[in-house]
Amino acid sequence: MIKHVFYTAFVCLLVCSNQAFAQNKQMTVMDSDDLNFNITEDAFGNKLDLKNEAPVKVDTSRSLSQNLKQTAPEKVEKKEKAPTETAQSWIKNLFKGKGDKNDSIQKLLDENKLKAKSRKSNAAVFDIAGVMLQMSYAQAEEQLLKRGYRKTNQKMDVPNFIRWRNEEKCRNQGVVGYERLESCIVLLAKKENYYFISQASFNKYDTKETVEVFLSSTFTNNKVYKVTYRTEAANKTGNSAKALYLRNLKVFDFWKKINQKYGEPDNKEDILWGLGTNKPYLQAQTGFLKLEDPVLKDLDINRMAREDQRFIHSDIYTF
């Protein structure tokens, strides 16, 4: 009986002490000294370097979450280096109005297309079989000989007003007869440097091609002002199936080569390349080409006219 009472009293004492301990534990408040702990290691036992870290300030009147939020490190956003003013203006101009009808890139492409359509060919840089305008005779002959042409004809000439002037001089010296008079005219012209090559023909017999070169007088340094080209291969005659086939093949090949070398003509109706007005131009027909510089020819005529006018204005009247 005594043991039972003692056991009951012991159990009651143990239960009461546990309740009191739990009650006392819930009422315990954390002091400010409890927050002044020094952490030198992490959870894995690694040493922490706290020299560069700012001390954590804790406000005991606030909750733990508020303190953590207050002491959280601020995120530093890296600002990209702004482009220079020139780069910015270039980018703005490049992409200005993108997606609209006034898109600068599309506008630039449209302008280039319009310029390409209105652009004309400079026939002054064209050549026929290597012969260009304003070449000397020696240069033109050299280019044609390189391409397998052979000279078949050459015409020498004297300007008409020089011829008539020399004819008068020869008659006054007593020269008579056509041949002797012609020799006298040419001899005087050579002495005065008025005798020049006015035209030359070159042929390539195996391909039936002919090139004719026309040159100005010595008043404009005897330069090439016109070149013509003719081929008989594109003009094959006959009505048989074979003749028609060969003719069509040659014609097609002729115009294909023209397009490859000179490009599309500026005037498709007349098949002309050139800048217009009196500028050099190239004209084409089936089996025929003509490259001409009208300005050089007109300049040659004007210089001869001035020289002739100077001769006429000499004192021939005595009254």
Protein backbone atom coordinates (compact mmCIF):
# COMPACT_ATOMS: atom_id res chain seq x y z
CA MET A 1 0.00 0.00 0.00
CA ILE A 2 2.80 2.37 0.89
CA LYS A 3 4.68 1.47 -2.30
CA HIS A 4 1.61 2.20 -4.42
CA VAL A 5 1.11 5.59 -2.80
CA PHE A 6 4.78 6.43 -3.25
CA TYR A 7 4.72 5.45 -6.92
CA THR A 8 1.60 7.51 -7.56
CA ALA A 9 3.17 10.55 -5.90
CA PHE A 10 6.37 10.14 -7.99
CA VAL A 11 4.43 9.98 -11.25
CA CYS A 12 2.42 13.05 -10.34
CA LEU A 13 5.57 14.96 -9.45
CA LEU A 14 7.19 14.04 -12.79
CA VAL A 15 4.17 15.11 -14.82
CA CYS A 16 3.83 18.36 -12.99
CA SER A 17 7.50 19.20 -13.42
CA ASN A 18 7.34 18.52 -17.18
CA GLN A 19 4.31 20.80 -17.54
CA ALA A 20 6.02 23.52 -15.59
CA PHE A 21 9.17 23.13 -17.70
CA ALA A 22 7.18 23.35 -20.93
CA GLN A 23 5.30 26.38 -19.67
CA ASN A 24 8.53 28.07 -18.63
CA LYS A 25 10.12 27.27 -22.04
CA GLN A 26 7.28 28.91 -23.99
CA MET A 27 7.55 32.08 -21.95
CA THR A 28 11.31 32.45 -22.52
CA VAL A 29 12.18 35.64 -24.48
CA MET A 30 15.45 35.98 -26.56
CA ASP A 31 17.76 38.63 -25.21
CA SER A 32 19.82 41.04 -27.38
CA ASP A 33 22.97 39.37 -26.11
CA ASP A 34 21.89 36.14 -27.71
CA LEU A 35 22.16 37.81 -31.16
CA ASN A 36 25.78 38.82 -30.72
CA PHE A 37 27.14 35.46 -31.75
CA ASN A 38 30.31 35.15 -33.81
CA ILE A 39 30.18 32.79 -36.79
CA THR A 40 33.59 31.66 -37.95
CA GLU A 41 32.65 28.43 -39.73
CA ASP A 42 29.89 27.32 -42.06
CA ALA A 43 27.75 24.20 -41.60
CA PHE A 44 30.50 22.08 -43.18
CA GLY A 45 33.29 23.38 -40.98
CA ASN A 46 34.88 25.67 -43.61
CA LYS A 47 36.43 28.91 -42.40
CA LEU A 48 34.54 32.06 -43.38
CA ASP A 49 36.23 35.28 -44.51
CA LEU A 50 34.22 38.04 -42.90
CA LYS A 51 36.74 40.86 -43.28
CA ASN A 52 35.03 42.48 -46.30
CA GLU A 53 31.50 41.96 -45.07
CA ALA A 54 29.69 44.80 -43.34
CA PRO A 55 28.44 44.08 -39.80
CA VAL A 56 24.85 43.00 -39.63
CA LYS A 57 22.63 45.43 -37.74
CA VAL A 58 19.64 43.77 -36.09
CA ASP A 59 16.62 45.66 -34.83
CA THR A 60 15.13 43.67 -31.95
CA SER A 61 11.79 45.40 -32.36
CA ARG A 62 11.34 43.80 -35.78
CA SER A 63 10.78 40.23 -36.78
CA LEU A 64 13.46 38.01 -38.27
CA SER A 65 12.04 38.24 -41.81
CA GLN A 66 11.98 42.05 -41.66
CA ASN A 67 15.60 42.12 -40.47
CA LEU A 68 16.70 39.76 -43.24
CA LYS A 69 14.88 41.83 -45.82
CA GLN A 70 16.50 45.01 -44.56
CA THR A 71 20.02 43.59 -44.55
CA ALA A 72 19.77 41.78 -47.92
CA PRO A 73 22.51 42.94 -50.36
CA GLU A 74 21.36 45.17 -53.17
CA LYS A 75 21.69 43.83 -56.71
CA VAL A 76 24.00 45.88 -58.83
CA GLU A 77 22.88 46.00 -62.42
CA LYS A 78 25.61 46.27 -64.98
CA LYS A 79 24.90 49.03 -67.43
CA GLU A 80 26.03 48.43 -70.95
CA LYS A 81 28.15 51.08 -72.49
CA ALA A 82 25.97 53.34 -74.54
CA PRO A 83 26.95 53.63 -78.19
CA THR A 84 28.45 56.84 -79.40
CA GLU A 85 26.32 59.55 -80.86
CA THR A 86 27.44 58.71 -84.38
CA ALA A 87 26.59 55.05 -83.95
CA GLN A 88 23.23 55.93 -82.42
CA SER A 89 22.31 58.27 -85.25
CA TRP A 90 23.43 55.69 -87.84
CA ILE A 91 21.31 52.97 -86.21
CA LYS A 92 18.32 55.28 -85.92
CA ASN A 93 18.57 56.25 -89.56
CA LEU A 94 19.02 52.65 -90.62
CA PHE A 95 15.97 51.34 -88.82
CA LYS A 96 13.88 54.48 -88.87
CA GLY A 97 10.27 53.69 -89.62
CA LYS A 98 10.92 49.97 -89.94
CA GLY A 99 7.84 48.15 -91.08
CA ASP A 100 6.29 51.25 -92.62
CA LYS A 101 6.05 52.28 -96.22
CA ASN A 102 8.79 54.84 -95.59
CA ASP A 103 11.30 52.25 -94.43
CA SER A 104 14.74 53.76 -95.04
CA ILE A 105 16.31 50.48 -96.21
CA GLN A 106 13.52 49.77 -98.67
CA LYS A 107 13.63 53.36 -99.83
CA LEU A 108 17.36 53.06 -100.48
CA LEU A 109 16.84 49.88 -102.50
CA ASP A 110 14.08 51.54 -104.54
CA GLU A 111 16.32 54.53 -105.26
CA ASN A 112 19.11 52.23 -106.45
CA LYS A 113 16.68 50.44 -108.76
CA LEU A 114 15.54 53.74 -110.25
CA LYS A 115 19.15 54.84 -110.74
CA ALA A 116 19.96 51.54 -112.42
CA LYS A 117 17.04 51.97 -114.80
CA SER A 118 17.98 55.56 -115.66
CA ARG A 119 21.71 54.87 -115.88
CA LYS A 120 23.16 54.97 -119.39
CA SER A 121 26.21 53.28 -120.82
CA ASN A 122 29.40 55.20 -121.53
CA ALA A 123 30.24 54.10 -125.05
CA ALA A 124 33.58 55.94 -124.88
CA VAL A 125 35.01 52.93 -123.03
CA PHE A 126 33.55 50.36 -125.46
CA ASP A 127 35.66 48.59 -128.05
CA ILE A 128 35.15 46.55 -131.20
CA ALA A 129 37.75 43.82 -131.59
CA GLY A 130 39.98 45.75 -129.19
CA VAL A 131 39.74 49.06 -131.10
CA MET A 132 38.52 51.98 -128.99
CA LEU A 133 37.61 55.52 -129.92
CA GLN A 134 40.43 58.12 -130.02
CA MET A 135 43.09 55.46 -130.52
CA SER A 136 45.92 56.19 -132.91
CA TYR A 137 46.20 54.15 -136.08
CA ALA A 138 49.19 52.24 -134.73
CA GLN A 139 47.28 51.24 -131.59
CA ALA A 140 44.22 50.12 -133.56
CA GLU A 141 46.30 48.11 -136.00
CA GLU A 142 48.15 46.40 -133.15
CA GLN A 143 44.91 45.29 -131.50
CA LEU A 144 43.44 43.91 -134.73
CA LEU A 145 46.58 42.01 -135.67
CA LYS A 146 46.59 40.36 -132.25
CA ARG A 147 43.09 39.02 -132.94
CA GLY A 148 44.03 37.45 -136.25
CA TYR A 149 42.89 40.23 -138.64
CA ARG A 150 44.86 41.20 -141.72
CA LYS A 151 44.94 44.64 -143.29
CA THR A 152 43.39 44.57 -146.76
CA ASN A 153 43.03 48.25 -147.60
CA GLN A 154 44.36 51.61 -146.49
CA LYS A 155 43.30 55.04 -147.69
CA MET A 156 45.50 58.12 -147.45
CA ASP A 157 43.95 61.55 -147.68
CA VAL A 158 44.56 65.31 -147.64
CA PRO A 159 41.95 67.82 -146.40
CA ASN A 160 40.12 69.34 -149.36
CA PHE A 161 41.04 72.96 -148.68
CA ILE A 162 44.71 71.93 -148.32
CA ARG A 163 44.45 69.97 -151.57
CA TRP A 164 43.00 72.93 -153.45
CA ARG A 165 45.60 75.28 -151.99
CA ASN A 166 48.46 72.95 -152.97
CA GLU A 167 46.97 72.44 -156.40
CA GLU A 168 47.12 76.16 -156.99
CA LYS A 169 50.73 76.31 -155.81
CA CYS A 170 51.71 73.42 -158.10
CA ARG A 171 50.05 74.98 -161.16
CA ASN A 172 51.81 78.27 -160.46
CA GLN A 173 55.10 76.32 -160.49
CA GLY A 174 54.27 74.93 -163.96
CA VAL A 175 53.23 71.42 -162.98
CA VAL A 176 50.74 69.95 -165.48
CA GLY A 177 49.07 66.58 -165.95
CA TYR A 178 46.87 64.70 -163.47
CA GLU A 179 49.48 62.29 -162.11
CA ARG A 180 52.23 64.89 -161.77
CA LEU A 181 49.81 67.35 -160.21
CA GLU A 182 48.60 64.72 -157.70
CA SER A 183 52.17 63.86 -156.74
CA CYS A 184 52.96 67.54 -156.22
CA ILE A 185 49.86 68.00 -153.99
CA VAL A 186 50.77 64.99 -151.83
CA LEU A 187 54.42 66.04 -151.58
CA LEU A 188 53.51 69.51 -150.31
CA ALA A 189 50.95 67.99 -147.86
CA LYS A 190 53.56 65.63 -146.41
CA LYS A 191 55.95 68.52 -145.85
CA GLU A 192 53.24 70.45 -143.97
CA ASN A 193 52.05 67.30 -142.06
CA TYR A 194 48.61 67.31 -143.67
CA TYR A 195 48.85 63.84 -145.22
CA PHE A 196 47.15 61.20 -143.03
CA ILE A 197 45.48 57.76 -142.97
CA SER A 198 41.75 58.38 -143.17
CA GLN A 199 40.46 54.80 -143.45
CA ALA A 200 41.72 51.21 -143.12
CA SER A 201 40.04 47.83 -143.59
CA PHE A 202 40.92 44.59 -141.81
CA ASN A 203 39.57 41.12 -142.62
CA LYS A 204 39.43 37.76 -140.92
CA TYR A 205 38.65 35.35 -143.76
CA ASP A 206 38.14 32.16 -141.77
CA THR A 207 35.24 33.67 -139.77
CA LYS A 208 34.09 36.12 -142.49
CA GLU A 209 34.55 39.20 -140.32
CA THR A 210 35.50 42.72 -141.44
CA VAL A 211 36.51 45.72 -139.32
CA GLU A 212 36.83 49.21 -140.80
CA VAL A 213 38.58 52.01 -138.94
CA PHE A 214 37.93 55.70 -139.72
CA LEU A 215 40.35 58.37 -138.50
CA SER A 216 40.31 62.15 -138.23
CA SER A 217 42.85 64.43 -139.86
CA THR A 218 46.09 65.67 -138.36
CA PHE A 219 44.22 68.73 -137.05
CA THR A 220 42.99 66.43 -134.26
CA ASN A 221 46.09 64.20 -134.17
CA ASN A 222 44.72 61.57 -136.57
CA LYS A 223 42.59 59.67 -134.00
CA VAL A 224 39.94 56.97 -134.47
CA TYR A 225 36.46 58.51 -134.53
CA LYS A 226 34.48 55.57 -135.96
CA VAL A 227 34.79 51.76 -136.03
CA THR A 228 32.46 49.40 -137.91
CA TYR A 229 32.19 45.62 -137.71
CA ARG A 230 30.46 43.29 -140.15
CA THR A 231 30.12 39.52 -140.26
CA GLU A 232 28.59 37.32 -142.94
CA ALA A 233 28.17 34.34 -140.61
CA ALA A 234 24.89 35.71 -139.23
CA ASN A 235 23.54 36.37 -142.76
CA LYS A 236 23.65 32.84 -144.15
CA THR A 237 21.36 32.53 -147.16
CA GLY A 238 19.11 29.63 -148.13
CA ASN A 239 15.63 28.31 -147.36
CA SER A 240 16.43 24.71 -146.51
CA ALA A 241 15.91 23.35 -143.02
CA LYS A 242 19.67 23.23 -142.50
CA ALA A 243 20.17 26.83 -143.68
CA LEU A 244 17.35 28.09 -141.46
CA TYR A 245 18.75 26.20 -138.48
CA LEU A 246 22.29 27.51 -138.99
CA ARG A 247 21.09 31.08 -139.59
CA ASN A 248 18.95 31.10 -136.44
CA LEU A 249 21.79 29.60 -134.45
CA LYS A 250 24.24 32.25 -135.67
CA VAL A 251 21.79 35.07 -135.02
CA PHE A 252 21.10 33.84 -131.50
CA ASP A 253 24.81 33.48 -130.78
CA PHE A 254 25.52 36.97 -132.19
CA TRP A 255 23.02 38.72 -129.90
CA LYS A 256 24.06 36.61 -126.92
CA LYS A 257 27.66 37.76 -127.36
CA ILE A 258 26.46 41.37 -127.73
CA ASN A 259 24.54 41.15 -124.46
CA GLN A 260 27.48 39.55 -122.65
CA LYS A 261 29.96 42.21 -123.77
CA TYR A 262 27.94 45.45 -123.77
CA GLY A 263 24.90 44.65 -121.61
CA GLU A 264 21.36 45.71 -122.39
CA PRO A 265 21.04 48.67 -124.79
CA ASP A 266 19.94 52.02 -123.42
CA ASN A 267 17.58 52.48 -126.36
CA LYS A 268 16.02 49.10 -127.13
CA GLU A 269 14.07 50.35 -130.13
CA ASP A 270 17.11 51.62 -132.04
CA ILE A 271 19.49 49.25 -130.19
CA LEU A 272 21.76 52.05 -129.01
CA TRP A 273 24.25 52.34 -126.17
CA GLY A 274 25.41 55.80 -125.09
CA LEU A 275 24.83 58.88 -122.96
CA GLY A 276 22.81 60.64 -125.66
CA THR A 277 23.12 63.95 -127.58
CA ASN A 278 26.55 64.14 -129.24
CA LYS A 279 28.26 61.68 -126.91
CA PRO A 280 29.93 58.51 -128.24
CA TYR A 281 27.44 55.76 -129.05
CA LEU A 282 27.30 52.13 -130.16
CA GLN A 283 24.63 50.90 -132.56
CA ALA A 284 23.93 47.26 -133.43
CA GLN A 285 22.09 45.33 -136.10
CA THR A 286 22.18 41.64 -136.89
CA GLY A 287 25.75 41.04 -138.03
CA PHE A 288 26.73 44.74 -137.84
CA LEU A 289 28.17 47.11 -135.22
CA LYS A 290 29.08 50.80 -135.35
CA LEU A 291 31.02 52.66 -132.67
CA GLU A 292 31.29 56.41 -133.32
CA ASP A 293 32.31 59.64 -131.61
CA PRO A 294 30.49 62.53 -133.35
CA VAL A 295 32.21 65.16 -131.22
CA LEU A 296 35.68 64.21 -132.43
CA LYS A 297 34.57 64.34 -136.05
CA ASP A 298 32.87 67.73 -135.59
CA LEU A 299 35.94 69.10 -133.81
CA ASP A 300 38.11 67.99 -136.70
CA ILE A 301 35.85 69.74 -139.22
CA ASN A 302 35.72 72.95 -137.15
CA ARG A 303 39.49 73.15 -136.85
CA MET A 304 39.92 72.67 -140.58
CA ALA A 305 37.25 75.35 -141.21
CA ARG A 306 39.12 77.84 -138.99
CA GLU A 307 42.36 77.13 -140.83
CA ASP A 308 40.62 77.56 -144.17
CA GLN A 309 39.05 80.81 -142.99
CA ARG A 310 42.48 82.13 -141.97
CA PHE A 311 43.83 81.39 -145.44
CA ILE A 312 40.90 83.05 -147.19
CA HIS A 313 41.28 86.22 -145.08
CA SER A 314 44.73 86.91 -146.50
CA ASP A 315 45.23 90.12 -148.50
CA ILE A 316 44.13 89.17 -151.99
CA TYR A 317 42.51 92.49 -152.86
CA THR A 318 44.60 95.50 -153.85
CA PHE A 319 42.02 98.22 -154.50
